[in-house]
N, C-alpha and C. Protein backbone atom coordinates (compact mmCIF):
# COMPACT_ATOMS: atom_id res chain seq x y z
N MET A 1 -17.82 -83.58 -44.63
CA MET A 1 -16.85 -82.35 -44.97
C MET A 1 -17.03 -81.90 -46.27
N SER A 2 -17.39 -80.40 -46.03
CA SER A 2 -17.26 -80.40 -47.67
C SER A 2 -15.16 -79.61 -48.03
N GLN A 3 -15.22 -79.76 -49.72
CA GLN A 3 -14.34 -79.40 -49.87
C GLN A 3 -13.35 -78.34 -49.37
N GLU A 4 -14.21 -77.52 -49.26
CA GLU A 4 -13.54 -76.24 -48.79
C GLU A 4 -13.15 -75.82 -47.15
N SER A 5 -14.16 -76.52 -46.91
CA SER A 5 -13.35 -76.63 -45.31
C SER A 5 -12.39 -77.75 -45.14
N ALA A 6 -12.20 -78.27 -45.93
CA ALA A 6 -11.04 -79.46 -45.56
C ALA A 6 -10.07 -78.55 -46.16
N GLU A 7 -10.02 -77.60 -47.22
CA GLU A 7 -8.98 -77.20 -47.75
C GLU A 7 -8.14 -75.78 -46.87
N HIS A 8 -9.39 -75.55 -45.87
CA HIS A 8 -8.78 -74.56 -45.02
C HIS A 8 -8.95 -75.11 -43.36
N ALA A 9 -9.06 -77.00 -43.01
CA ALA A 9 -8.76 -77.41 -42.29
C ALA A 9 -7.78 -76.30 -41.01
N GLU A 10 -7.57 -76.19 -39.99
CA GLU A 10 -6.99 -75.81 -38.57
C GLU A 10 -5.45 -76.80 -38.69
N HIS A 11 -4.52 -76.42 -38.16
CA HIS A 11 -3.27 -77.33 -38.11
C HIS A 11 -2.74 -76.92 -36.43
N ILE A 12 -3.20 -78.16 -35.86
CA ILE A 12 -2.97 -78.05 -34.26
C ILE A 12 -1.35 -78.12 -34.21
N VAL A 13 -0.62 -77.14 -33.37
CA VAL A 13 1.05 -77.61 -33.30
C VAL A 13 1.11 -77.72 -32.12
N SER A 14 1.71 -79.18 -32.06
CA SER A 14 2.31 -79.31 -30.60
C SER A 14 3.00 -78.30 -29.88
N TYR A 15 2.99 -78.36 -28.72
CA TYR A 15 3.57 -77.46 -27.31
C TYR A 15 5.40 -77.65 -27.99
N LYS A 16 5.67 -79.28 -27.68
CA LYS A 16 6.90 -79.73 -28.31
C LYS A 16 7.63 -79.11 -29.43
N THR A 17 6.54 -78.64 -30.62
CA THR A 17 7.10 -77.81 -31.46
C THR A 17 7.49 -76.90 -31.13
N LEU A 18 6.33 -75.94 -30.88
CA LEU A 18 6.40 -74.74 -30.74
C LEU A 18 7.57 -74.29 -29.84
N VAL A 19 8.02 -74.99 -28.67
CA VAL A 19 8.88 -74.86 -28.03
C VAL A 19 10.09 -74.84 -28.50
N GLY A 20 10.64 -76.09 -29.07
CA GLY A 20 11.68 -76.36 -30.34
C GLY A 20 12.00 -75.23 -30.83
N VAL A 21 11.19 -74.60 -31.49
CA VAL A 21 11.05 -73.60 -32.16
C VAL A 21 11.90 -72.27 -31.45
N TRP A 22 11.06 -71.90 -30.69
CA TRP A 22 11.22 -70.92 -29.54
C TRP A 22 12.87 -71.19 -29.34
N VAL A 23 13.40 -72.31 -28.87
CA VAL A 23 15.16 -72.98 -28.87
C VAL A 23 15.95 -72.46 -29.21
N ALA A 24 15.44 -72.87 -30.57
CA ALA A 24 16.42 -72.53 -31.98
C ALA A 24 16.25 -71.28 -32.27
N LEU A 25 15.20 -70.63 -31.92
CA LEU A 25 15.57 -69.23 -32.72
C LEU A 25 16.69 -68.52 -31.43
N LEU A 26 16.47 -68.71 -30.13
CA LEU A 26 17.08 -68.17 -29.13
C LEU A 26 19.03 -68.66 -29.28
N VAL A 27 18.72 -69.39 -29.73
CA VAL A 27 20.09 -70.29 -30.22
C VAL A 27 20.79 -69.09 -31.24
N LEU A 28 20.05 -68.84 -32.44
CA LEU A 28 19.88 -68.71 -33.12
C LEU A 28 20.28 -66.76 -33.02
N THR A 29 19.65 -66.51 -32.16
CA THR A 29 20.30 -65.27 -31.99
C THR A 29 21.48 -64.95 -30.84
N VAL A 30 21.83 -66.10 -30.49
CA VAL A 30 23.47 -65.95 -29.60
C VAL A 30 23.70 -66.04 -30.76
N ILE A 31 24.02 -67.03 -31.56
CA ILE A 31 25.12 -66.92 -32.99
C ILE A 31 24.74 -65.81 -33.54
N THR A 32 24.01 -65.01 -33.88
CA THR A 32 23.84 -63.43 -34.35
C THR A 32 24.43 -62.68 -33.57
N VAL A 33 24.59 -62.10 -32.65
CA VAL A 33 25.60 -62.10 -31.07
C VAL A 33 26.49 -61.93 -31.71
N ALA A 34 27.07 -63.18 -31.51
CA ALA A 34 28.94 -63.82 -31.88
C ALA A 34 28.82 -63.22 -33.31
N ILE A 35 28.07 -63.76 -34.00
CA ILE A 35 28.87 -62.60 -35.33
C ILE A 35 29.16 -61.68 -35.20
N THR A 36 27.98 -60.78 -35.10
CA THR A 36 28.60 -58.93 -34.40
C THR A 36 30.02 -58.91 -33.65
N ARG A 37 30.01 -59.97 -33.18
CA ARG A 37 31.54 -59.37 -32.26
C ARG A 37 32.70 -60.55 -33.15
N ALA A 38 32.78 -60.96 -33.71
CA ALA A 38 33.62 -61.20 -34.25
C ALA A 38 34.60 -60.74 -35.54
N GLU A 39 35.64 -61.07 -36.05
CA GLU A 39 36.40 -60.30 -37.21
C GLU A 39 35.90 -61.42 -38.19
N LEU A 40 35.04 -61.12 -39.11
CA LEU A 40 34.90 -62.04 -40.29
C LEU A 40 35.43 -61.06 -41.74
N GLY A 41 35.28 -59.68 -41.40
CA GLY A 41 35.11 -58.51 -42.44
C GLY A 41 33.63 -58.40 -43.44
N ALA A 42 34.08 -59.05 -44.66
CA ALA A 42 33.14 -59.02 -45.65
C ALA A 42 32.00 -60.22 -44.75
N LEU A 43 32.30 -60.70 -44.68
CA LEU A 43 31.92 -62.31 -44.69
C LEU A 43 30.60 -62.20 -43.60
N LYS A 44 30.74 -61.24 -42.12
CA LYS A 44 30.09 -60.84 -41.43
C LYS A 44 28.55 -60.29 -42.01
N VAL A 45 28.26 -59.62 -42.83
CA VAL A 45 27.47 -59.60 -43.28
C VAL A 45 26.66 -60.26 -43.53
N TRP A 46 27.23 -61.91 -44.63
CA TRP A 46 26.30 -61.94 -45.26
C TRP A 46 26.45 -63.42 -44.11
N SER A 47 26.69 -63.82 -43.08
CA SER A 47 26.59 -64.73 -41.87
C SER A 47 25.44 -64.21 -40.91
N ALA A 48 25.24 -62.88 -41.15
CA ALA A 48 24.06 -62.46 -40.15
C ALA A 48 23.07 -62.70 -40.65
N LEU A 49 23.47 -62.07 -42.22
CA LEU A 49 21.63 -62.25 -43.27
C LEU A 49 21.28 -64.10 -43.51
N ALA A 50 22.06 -65.05 -43.25
CA ALA A 50 21.75 -66.56 -43.53
C ALA A 50 21.47 -66.73 -42.13
N VAL A 51 21.70 -66.08 -41.06
CA VAL A 51 21.39 -66.88 -40.20
C VAL A 51 19.73 -66.08 -39.46
N ALA A 52 19.67 -64.55 -39.67
CA ALA A 52 18.37 -64.07 -39.97
C ALA A 52 17.63 -64.36 -40.56
N SER A 53 17.88 -65.25 -41.98
CA SER A 53 17.11 -66.01 -42.91
C SER A 53 16.27 -66.95 -42.76
N VAL A 54 17.13 -68.08 -41.69
CA VAL A 54 17.16 -69.37 -40.85
C VAL A 54 15.65 -69.18 -39.98
N LYS A 55 16.14 -67.82 -38.95
CA LYS A 55 15.27 -67.53 -38.56
C LYS A 55 13.89 -66.69 -38.75
N SER A 56 14.19 -66.64 -40.29
CA SER A 56 13.00 -65.88 -40.53
C SER A 56 12.15 -67.48 -41.23
N ALA A 57 12.70 -67.59 -41.31
CA ALA A 57 11.96 -69.46 -41.85
C ALA A 57 11.47 -69.94 -41.11
N LEU A 58 12.02 -70.42 -39.87
CA LEU A 58 11.44 -70.73 -39.13
C LEU A 58 10.15 -70.52 -38.44
N VAL A 59 9.83 -68.68 -38.16
CA VAL A 59 9.07 -68.48 -37.94
C VAL A 59 7.81 -68.00 -38.63
N ILE A 60 8.35 -68.23 -40.34
CA ILE A 60 6.80 -68.56 -40.74
C ILE A 60 6.36 -69.79 -40.88
N ALA A 61 7.54 -70.51 -41.18
CA ALA A 61 7.41 -72.17 -41.23
C ALA A 61 6.09 -72.72 -40.31
N VAL A 62 6.58 -72.63 -38.98
CA VAL A 62 5.67 -72.54 -37.54
C VAL A 62 4.90 -72.32 -37.20
N PHE A 63 5.51 -70.99 -36.76
CA PHE A 63 4.36 -69.98 -35.94
C PHE A 63 3.42 -69.40 -37.10
N MET A 64 3.29 -69.44 -38.56
CA MET A 64 2.89 -68.77 -39.34
C MET A 64 1.71 -69.92 -40.21
N HIS A 65 2.40 -71.02 -40.09
CA HIS A 65 1.76 -72.33 -40.24
C HIS A 65 1.52 -72.61 -41.87
N MET A 66 2.73 -71.96 -42.60
CA MET A 66 3.52 -72.01 -43.97
C MET A 66 3.55 -73.15 -44.40
N LYS A 67 4.09 -73.79 -43.46
CA LYS A 67 4.12 -75.48 -44.12
C LYS A 67 3.11 -76.19 -44.45
N TYR A 68 2.28 -75.92 -43.74
CA TYR A 68 0.89 -76.50 -44.34
C TYR A 68 0.31 -76.25 -45.95
N GLU A 69 0.64 -75.13 -46.77
CA GLU A 69 0.18 -74.05 -47.61
C GLU A 69 0.78 -75.09 -48.48
N ALA A 70 -0.07 -74.56 -49.47
CA ALA A 70 0.39 -75.48 -51.51
C ALA A 70 2.00 -75.13 -51.61
N ARG A 71 2.97 -75.74 -52.45
CA ARG A 71 4.07 -75.83 -52.74
C ARG A 71 4.19 -74.29 -53.51
N LEU A 72 2.95 -73.96 -53.93
CA LEU A 72 3.26 -73.07 -55.09
C LEU A 72 3.81 -71.27 -54.22
N PHE A 73 2.37 -71.59 -53.05
CA PHE A 73 3.01 -70.23 -51.71
C PHE A 73 4.42 -70.25 -51.17
N ARG A 74 5.12 -71.45 -51.00
CA ARG A 74 5.84 -71.59 -50.44
C ARG A 74 7.25 -71.33 -51.42
N ILE A 75 7.36 -71.85 -52.24
CA ILE A 75 8.10 -71.26 -53.42
C ILE A 75 8.37 -69.76 -53.74
N ILE A 76 7.34 -68.97 -53.88
CA ILE A 76 6.87 -67.53 -54.13
C ILE A 76 7.44 -66.79 -52.93
N LEU A 77 7.54 -67.51 -51.82
CA LEU A 77 7.73 -67.11 -50.23
C LEU A 77 9.53 -67.26 -50.51
N LEU A 78 9.91 -68.39 -50.83
CA LEU A 78 11.24 -68.48 -50.72
C LEU A 78 11.85 -67.71 -51.60
N VAL A 79 11.27 -67.08 -52.75
CA VAL A 79 12.30 -66.26 -53.94
C VAL A 79 12.15 -65.02 -53.06
N ALA A 80 10.91 -64.42 -53.10
CA ALA A 80 10.78 -63.11 -51.93
C ALA A 80 11.95 -63.07 -50.79
N LEU A 81 12.17 -64.25 -50.09
CA LEU A 81 12.83 -63.82 -49.08
C LEU A 81 14.30 -64.26 -49.44
N VAL A 82 14.86 -65.04 -50.67
CA VAL A 82 15.74 -64.76 -50.90
C VAL A 82 16.32 -63.31 -52.00
N THR A 83 15.11 -62.86 -52.46
CA THR A 83 15.69 -61.47 -53.84
C THR A 83 15.77 -60.35 -52.02
N LEU A 84 14.79 -60.60 -50.79
CA LEU A 84 15.02 -59.32 -50.12
C LEU A 84 16.53 -59.78 -49.65
N ALA A 85 16.80 -60.77 -49.22
CA ALA A 85 18.62 -60.90 -48.61
C ALA A 85 19.25 -60.43 -49.17
N THR A 86 18.84 -60.19 -50.46
CA THR A 86 20.06 -60.32 -51.39
C THR A 86 20.02 -58.35 -51.95
N PHE A 87 18.70 -57.90 -51.40
CA PHE A 87 19.07 -56.72 -52.13
C PHE A 87 19.41 -56.07 -50.22
N ILE A 88 19.37 -57.02 -49.57
CA ILE A 88 20.19 -55.39 -48.20
C ILE A 88 21.69 -55.83 -48.58
N GLY A 89 21.63 -57.16 -49.02
CA GLY A 89 23.17 -57.54 -48.64
C GLY A 89 23.82 -56.61 -49.63
N PHE A 90 23.46 -56.51 -50.99
CA PHE A 90 23.74 -55.14 -52.04
C PHE A 90 23.98 -54.61 -51.08
N THR A 91 22.72 -53.52 -50.63
CA THR A 91 23.10 -52.48 -49.78
C THR A 91 24.09 -52.58 -48.90
N PHE A 92 24.85 -53.04 -48.13
CA PHE A 92 26.14 -53.76 -47.35
C PHE A 92 27.05 -52.73 -47.93
N PHE A 93 26.87 -53.35 -48.95
CA PHE A 93 28.21 -52.71 -49.99
C PHE A 93 28.67 -52.11 -49.79
N ASP A 94 28.10 -50.50 -49.97
CA ASP A 94 28.12 -49.18 -49.38
C ASP A 94 29.13 -48.83 -48.17
N VAL A 95 28.60 -50.36 -47.32
CA VAL A 95 29.84 -49.71 -45.80
C VAL A 95 30.69 -50.18 -46.00
N LEU A 96 31.12 -51.57 -46.74
CA LEU A 96 32.65 -52.14 -46.89
C LEU A 96 33.86 -51.23 -47.80
N TYR A 97 32.79 -50.55 -48.70
CA TYR A 97 33.85 -50.03 -49.61
C TYR A 97 34.12 -48.10 -48.99
N ARG A 98 33.57 -47.65 -47.67
CA ARG A 98 33.90 -46.58 -47.51
C ARG A 98 35.29 -46.11 -46.72
């Protein structure tokens, strides 16, 4: 096998893993709905963003096979997601202080 084909080898994810992630996403969706109905004040936005970040990390890692990529790609993705979550969180400060 050449080096190029070894770098781009397919990664087969088992059905057990896929179903486990799907169930985890369903549970996290229920948690998100519960957060929206609870009176948490300013913590509501941050907790919803935290759950959304975990859900997106699961989807990216398993369904998009990011866990098989190089460390640099994973770090760049993490920085991008944290930056996005921070900007969205700061945007919701407008809602808090109306």
